[in-house]
Each structure stands twice: as structure tokens, then as C-alpha cells.
């Protein structure tokens, strides 16, 4: 499932591998993150792919947060419905890609390269 297109402003690492700066289509896969988190009751950790010109350039785990729970997880203003935002956080220690689509929020955390 396509979540949207995001622009990564600088090189990062996705799943420990380099991902160049640029625009990517973010695609949710059916593959669940393993191992399951202790106490997790739903399958809210999955893999996303970063796609450019039809080719997968990287992948990373995404945390899926239902709309009703986002205020419990994030204090920032969320992106508009069907929108996204990309931010450097915590003293430039990581980059967050936040996508708001279909009643869920998708949070991806990448490490600068």
C-alpha cells in the first residue's frame, strides 16, 4: 500500500544501509517486524519500502499509531490528513518521517548517514 511521497533532505541509514537524499514513494509492506515486542497486542510494527523510479532503494520499520492514540505518543502537531512531514529530532540524532493516512499515523525513524 502506497503511503505517500516524502523528500528526505539528507543522506540517512534505513535498516542500517545508506539511503541517499531525495524524493521517495513510501510503501507499506505486509511484512511484520520481528521479534514481536513484549506486551504488543496488535501488529503495529511493519516494514516500509522507500521507492524511486520503481526500484526499492531502502526499507525500515514503521510504527503504526491509530488516530485515537496519536496524542498519547506524539506531542507535535501531526501532518494534515494524507500529508507527511520529515524532521530532524533530538539534537540531529535521528530523522522522523511522519505520514498521516487512512486514520493511522506512520512513524519512521532514520539515523543520519
N, C-alpha and C. Protein backbone atom coordinates (compact mmCIF):
# COMPACT_ATOMS: atom_id res chain seq x y z
N UNK A 1 0.84 -1.18 0.00
CA UNK A 1 0.00 0.00 0.00
C UNK A 1 0.89 1.25 0.00
N UNK A 2 0.64 2.14 -0.93
CA UNK A 2 1.39 3.39 -1.00
C UNK A 2 0.91 4.34 0.09
N UNK A 3 1.86 4.85 0.89
CA UNK A 3 1.52 5.79 1.96
C UNK A 3 1.66 7.24 1.51
N UNK A 4 2.49 7.49 0.52
CA UNK A 4 2.71 8.84 0.03
C UNK A 4 4.15 9.03 -0.41
N UNK A 5 4.43 10.24 -0.84
CA UNK A 5 5.78 10.59 -1.28
C UNK A 5 6.38 11.57 -0.28
N UNK A 6 7.64 11.32 0.10
CA UNK A 6 8.34 12.19 1.04
C UNK A 6 9.68 12.59 0.43
N UNK A 7 10.18 13.72 0.89
CA UNK A 7 11.51 14.19 0.47
C UNK A 7 12.44 14.07 1.67
N UNK A 8 13.46 13.25 1.53
CA UNK A 8 14.48 13.08 2.56
C UNK A 8 15.57 14.10 2.23
N UNK A 9 15.78 15.11 3.10
CA UNK A 9 16.67 16.23 2.77
C UNK A 9 18.17 15.93 2.85
N UNK A 10 18.53 14.82 3.50
CA UNK A 10 19.95 14.48 3.60
C UNK A 10 20.11 12.97 3.69
N UNK A 11 21.32 12.49 3.46
CA UNK A 11 21.58 11.06 3.50
C UNK A 11 21.31 10.51 4.90
N UNK A 12 20.68 9.34 4.94
CA UNK A 12 20.35 8.67 6.19
C UNK A 12 20.66 7.18 6.02
N UNK A 13 20.42 6.43 7.09
CA UNK A 13 20.52 4.98 7.03
C UNK A 13 19.14 4.40 7.28
N UNK A 14 18.75 3.48 6.41
CA UNK A 14 17.49 2.76 6.55
C UNK A 14 17.84 1.28 6.67
N UNK A 15 17.44 0.65 7.76
CA UNK A 15 17.79 -0.74 8.05
C UNK A 15 19.31 -0.93 8.02
N UNK A 16 20.04 0.10 8.49
CA UNK A 16 21.49 0.03 8.59
C UNK A 16 22.23 0.24 7.28
N UNK A 17 21.49 0.52 6.21
CA UNK A 17 22.11 0.71 4.90
C UNK A 17 21.90 2.15 4.43
N UNK A 18 22.82 2.69 3.62
CA UNK A 18 22.69 4.09 3.17
C UNK A 18 21.44 4.32 2.31
N UNK A 19 20.81 5.46 2.54
CA UNK A 19 19.68 5.92 1.73
C UNK A 19 19.98 7.38 1.39
N UNK A 20 20.17 7.65 0.11
CA UNK A 20 20.55 8.99 -0.34
C UNK A 20 19.41 9.99 -0.16
N UNK A 21 19.78 11.26 -0.06
CA UNK A 21 18.78 12.33 -0.04
C UNK A 21 17.98 12.26 -1.34
N UNK A 22 16.71 12.62 -1.28
CA UNK A 22 15.88 12.63 -2.48
C UNK A 22 14.43 12.39 -2.15
N UNK A 23 13.60 12.31 -3.18
CA UNK A 23 12.17 12.06 -3.03
C UNK A 23 11.90 10.57 -3.21
N UNK A 24 11.06 10.03 -2.34
CA UNK A 24 10.75 8.61 -2.36
C UNK A 24 9.26 8.39 -2.17
N UNK A 25 8.74 7.39 -2.86
CA UNK A 25 7.40 6.91 -2.54
C UNK A 25 7.60 5.94 -1.38
N UNK A 26 6.77 6.06 -0.34
CA UNK A 26 6.85 5.17 0.81
C UNK A 26 5.72 4.16 0.68
N UNK A 27 6.09 2.89 0.71
CA UNK A 27 5.15 1.80 0.50
C UNK A 27 5.14 0.88 1.73
N UNK A 28 3.96 0.66 2.30
CA UNK A 28 3.78 -0.25 3.44
C UNK A 28 3.75 -1.68 2.93
N UNK A 29 4.53 -2.56 3.55
CA UNK A 29 4.53 -3.97 3.16
C UNK A 29 3.69 -4.77 4.16
N UNK A 30 3.30 -5.97 3.80
CA UNK A 30 2.57 -6.81 4.75
C UNK A 30 3.49 -7.48 5.78
N UNK A 31 4.82 -7.33 5.59
CA UNK A 31 5.79 -7.98 6.46
C UNK A 31 5.85 -7.32 7.83
N UNK A 32 5.62 -8.11 8.87
CA UNK A 32 5.66 -7.61 10.24
C UNK A 32 7.09 -7.61 10.74
N UNK A 33 7.38 -6.67 11.64
CA UNK A 33 8.68 -6.60 12.27
C UNK A 33 8.81 -7.75 13.26
N UNK A 34 9.95 -8.37 13.30
CA UNK A 34 10.21 -9.46 14.23
C UNK A 34 11.46 -9.12 15.02
N UNK A 35 11.65 -9.53 16.23
CA UNK A 35 10.67 -10.25 17.03
C UNK A 35 9.58 -9.33 17.54
N UNK A 36 8.45 -9.91 17.89
CA UNK A 36 7.34 -9.12 18.42
C UNK A 36 7.75 -8.44 19.73
N UNK A 37 7.29 -7.24 19.93
CA UNK A 37 7.56 -6.52 21.17
C UNK A 37 6.79 -7.17 22.32
N UNK A 38 7.41 -7.24 23.48
CA UNK A 38 6.75 -7.81 24.65
C UNK A 38 5.53 -6.96 24.99
N UNK A 39 4.39 -7.60 25.16
CA UNK A 39 3.18 -6.89 25.54
C UNK A 39 2.39 -6.32 24.36
N UNK A 40 2.92 -6.44 23.16
CA UNK A 40 2.20 -5.91 21.99
C UNK A 40 0.97 -6.76 21.73
N UNK A 41 -0.16 -6.10 21.51
CA UNK A 41 -1.39 -6.85 21.27
C UNK A 41 -1.84 -6.78 19.82
N UNK A 42 -1.29 -5.85 19.06
CA UNK A 42 -1.66 -5.70 17.66
C UNK A 42 -0.40 -5.67 16.81
N UNK A 43 -0.56 -5.91 15.53
CA UNK A 43 0.56 -5.91 14.60
C UNK A 43 0.76 -4.49 14.08
N UNK A 44 1.40 -3.66 14.92
CA UNK A 44 1.57 -2.25 14.60
C UNK A 44 3.01 -1.89 14.25
N UNK A 45 3.86 -2.87 14.09
CA UNK A 45 5.23 -2.66 13.63
C UNK A 45 5.39 -3.45 12.34
N UNK A 46 5.58 -2.73 11.24
CA UNK A 46 5.71 -3.38 9.93
C UNK A 46 6.89 -2.77 9.20
N UNK A 47 7.17 -3.25 8.02
CA UNK A 47 8.25 -2.72 7.19
C UNK A 47 7.65 -1.81 6.12
N UNK A 48 8.36 -0.72 5.82
CA UNK A 48 8.04 0.12 4.67
C UNK A 48 9.23 0.09 3.72
N UNK A 49 8.95 0.36 2.46
CA UNK A 49 10.00 0.46 1.45
C UNK A 49 10.05 1.89 0.94
N UNK A 50 11.26 2.36 0.66
CA UNK A 50 11.48 3.66 0.03
C UNK A 50 11.77 3.38 -1.43
N UNK A 51 10.88 3.86 -2.32
CA UNK A 51 10.94 3.52 -3.74
C UNK A 51 11.22 4.77 -4.57
N UNK A 52 12.16 4.64 -5.53
CA UNK A 52 12.46 5.68 -6.51
C UNK A 52 12.45 5.06 -7.88
N UNK A 53 11.70 5.65 -8.80
CA UNK A 53 11.63 5.18 -10.19
C UNK A 53 11.37 3.68 -10.27
N UNK A 54 10.45 3.19 -9.42
CA UNK A 54 10.05 1.80 -9.44
C UNK A 54 11.00 0.82 -8.76
N UNK A 55 12.09 1.32 -8.22
CA UNK A 55 13.09 0.45 -7.59
C UNK A 55 13.17 0.73 -6.09
N UNK A 56 13.18 -0.35 -5.29
CA UNK A 56 13.30 -0.21 -3.84
C UNK A 56 14.73 0.19 -3.50
N UNK A 57 14.89 1.35 -2.86
CA UNK A 57 16.21 1.87 -2.51
C UNK A 57 16.56 1.61 -1.05
N UNK A 58 15.54 1.32 -0.22
CA UNK A 58 15.78 1.05 1.19
C UNK A 58 14.50 0.63 1.86
N UNK A 59 14.64 0.15 3.10
CA UNK A 59 13.46 -0.25 3.88
C UNK A 59 13.75 0.00 5.35
N UNK A 60 12.68 0.19 6.11
CA UNK A 60 12.82 0.45 7.53
C UNK A 60 11.53 0.04 8.24
N UNK A 61 11.62 -0.16 9.54
CA UNK A 61 10.44 -0.50 10.35
C UNK A 61 9.63 0.77 10.59
N UNK A 62 8.32 0.65 10.49
CA UNK A 62 7.40 1.76 10.75
C UNK A 62 6.54 1.39 11.95
N UNK A 63 6.29 2.37 12.82
CA UNK A 63 5.34 2.20 13.92
C UNK A 63 4.01 2.79 13.47
N UNK A 64 2.96 2.01 13.56
CA UNK A 64 1.64 2.45 13.13
C UNK A 64 0.85 2.81 14.39
N UNK A 65 0.38 4.06 14.43
CA UNK A 65 -0.36 4.56 15.58
C UNK A 65 -1.76 4.99 15.13
N UNK A 66 -2.82 4.36 15.65
CA UNK A 66 -4.17 4.77 15.29
C UNK A 66 -4.44 6.23 15.66
N UNK A 67 -5.27 6.89 14.89
CA UNK A 67 -5.61 8.30 15.11
C UNK A 67 -6.00 8.58 16.56
N UNK A 68 -6.79 7.71 17.15
CA UNK A 68 -7.28 7.92 18.52
C UNK A 68 -6.17 7.89 19.56
N UNK A 69 -5.01 7.33 19.21
CA UNK A 69 -3.92 7.19 20.17
C UNK A 69 -2.73 8.11 19.92
N UNK A 70 -2.75 8.89 18.84
CA UNK A 70 -1.57 9.67 18.47
C UNK A 70 -1.18 10.68 19.55
N UNK A 71 -2.15 11.27 20.24
CA UNK A 71 -1.82 12.26 21.28
C UNK A 71 -1.12 11.62 22.48
N UNK A 72 -1.27 10.31 22.63
CA UNK A 72 -0.59 9.59 23.70
C UNK A 72 0.88 9.32 23.35
N UNK A 73 1.18 9.37 22.06
CA UNK A 73 2.52 9.01 21.56
C UNK A 73 3.34 10.23 21.17
N UNK A 74 2.72 11.20 20.51
CA UNK A 74 3.43 12.37 19.99
C UNK A 74 2.80 13.65 20.49
N UNK A 75 3.64 14.59 20.88
CA UNK A 75 3.16 15.90 21.33
C UNK A 75 3.14 16.92 20.20
N UNK A 76 3.92 16.67 19.14
CA UNK A 76 3.97 17.56 17.98
C UNK A 76 2.63 17.62 17.26
N UNK A 77 2.44 18.68 16.50
CA UNK A 77 1.27 18.79 15.63
C UNK A 77 1.44 17.80 14.48
N UNK A 78 0.47 16.92 14.28
CA UNK A 78 0.60 15.93 13.20
C UNK A 78 0.45 16.57 11.83
N UNK A 79 0.95 15.89 10.80
CA UNK A 79 0.71 16.39 9.45
C UNK A 79 -0.79 16.30 9.12
N UNK A 80 -1.21 17.07 8.15
CA UNK A 80 -2.61 17.04 7.71
C UNK A 80 -2.96 15.64 7.20
N UNK A 81 -4.25 15.33 7.17
CA UNK A 81 -4.70 14.06 6.62
C UNK A 81 -4.14 13.88 5.21
N UNK A 82 -3.61 12.70 4.94
CA UNK A 82 -2.95 12.35 3.68
C UNK A 82 -1.69 13.16 3.43
N UNK A 83 -1.14 13.74 4.49
CA UNK A 83 0.09 14.52 4.38
C UNK A 83 1.24 13.85 5.12
N UNK A 84 2.38 14.51 5.07
CA UNK A 84 3.56 13.97 5.76
C UNK A 84 4.45 15.12 6.19
N UNK A 85 5.38 14.81 7.09
CA UNK A 85 6.42 15.76 7.43
C UNK A 85 7.68 14.98 7.80
N UNK A 86 8.82 15.59 7.50
CA UNK A 86 10.12 14.99 7.77
C UNK A 86 10.87 15.97 8.64
N UNK A 87 11.36 15.50 9.80
CA UNK A 87 12.02 16.39 10.77
C UNK A 87 13.26 15.74 11.35
N UNK A 88 14.29 16.57 11.56
CA UNK A 88 15.44 16.14 12.35
C UNK A 88 15.07 16.36 13.81
N UNK A 89 15.35 15.37 14.65
CA UNK A 89 14.96 15.44 16.06
C UNK A 89 16.14 15.13 16.97
N UNK A 90 15.95 15.46 18.24
CA UNK A 90 16.87 15.13 19.32
C UNK A 90 18.32 15.48 18.99
N UNK A 91 18.57 16.77 18.78
CA UNK A 91 19.93 17.21 18.53
C UNK A 91 20.51 16.65 17.25
N UNK A 92 19.68 16.45 16.24
CA UNK A 92 20.09 15.88 14.95
C UNK A 92 20.54 14.43 15.06
N UNK A 93 20.07 13.72 16.08
CA UNK A 93 20.43 12.31 16.25
C UNK A 93 19.63 11.38 15.34
N UNK A 94 18.42 11.78 14.98
CA UNK A 94 17.65 10.96 14.05
C UNK A 94 16.63 11.81 13.30
N UNK A 95 16.17 11.25 12.17
CA UNK A 95 15.18 11.90 11.32
C UNK A 95 13.88 11.12 11.42
N UNK A 96 12.78 11.86 11.67
CA UNK A 96 11.47 11.22 11.73
C UNK A 96 10.70 11.53 10.45
N UNK A 97 10.17 10.50 9.85
CA UNK A 97 9.23 10.63 8.73
C UNK A 97 7.87 10.28 9.32
N UNK A 98 6.94 11.23 9.24
CA UNK A 98 5.60 11.07 9.83
C UNK A 98 4.57 11.22 8.73
N UNK A 99 3.82 10.15 8.49
CA UNK A 99 2.79 10.14 7.45
C UNK A 99 1.43 9.91 8.12
N UNK A 100 0.44 10.70 7.74
CA UNK A 100 -0.92 10.61 8.26
C UNK A 100 -1.81 10.14 7.11
N UNK A 101 -2.25 8.88 7.18
CA UNK A 101 -3.06 8.35 6.07
C UNK A 101 -4.06 7.32 6.57
N UNK A 102 -5.27 7.41 6.08
CA UNK A 102 -6.29 6.40 6.34
C UNK A 102 -6.62 6.17 7.80
N UNK A 103 -6.58 7.22 8.62
CA UNK A 103 -6.93 7.08 10.03
C UNK A 103 -5.79 6.56 10.90
N UNK A 104 -4.59 6.42 10.33
CA UNK A 104 -3.42 5.98 11.08
C UNK A 104 -2.27 6.95 10.85
N UNK A 105 -1.36 6.95 11.81
CA UNK A 105 -0.13 7.72 11.70
C UNK A 105 1.01 6.72 11.57
N UNK A 106 1.90 6.96 10.64
CA UNK A 106 3.03 6.07 10.36
C UNK A 106 4.30 6.83 10.72
N UNK A 107 5.04 6.31 11.70
CA UNK A 107 6.25 6.96 12.19
C UNK A 107 7.47 6.11 11.84
N UNK A 108 8.36 6.70 11.08
CA UNK A 108 9.59 6.03 10.65
C UNK A 108 10.76 6.84 11.19
N UNK A 109 11.71 6.17 11.84
CA UNK A 109 12.87 6.86 12.40
C UNK A 109 14.14 6.39 11.70
N UNK A 110 14.87 7.34 11.14
CA UNK A 110 16.09 7.05 10.38
C UNK A 110 17.28 7.73 11.05
N UNK A 111 18.44 7.12 10.94
CA UNK A 111 19.66 7.66 11.52
C UNK A 111 20.44 8.39 10.43
N UNK A 112 20.94 9.60 10.71
CA UNK A 112 21.75 10.30 9.70
C UNK A 112 22.96 9.44 9.30
N UNK A 113 23.31 9.50 8.01
CA UNK A 113 24.44 8.71 7.50
C UNK A 113 25.76 9.40 7.83
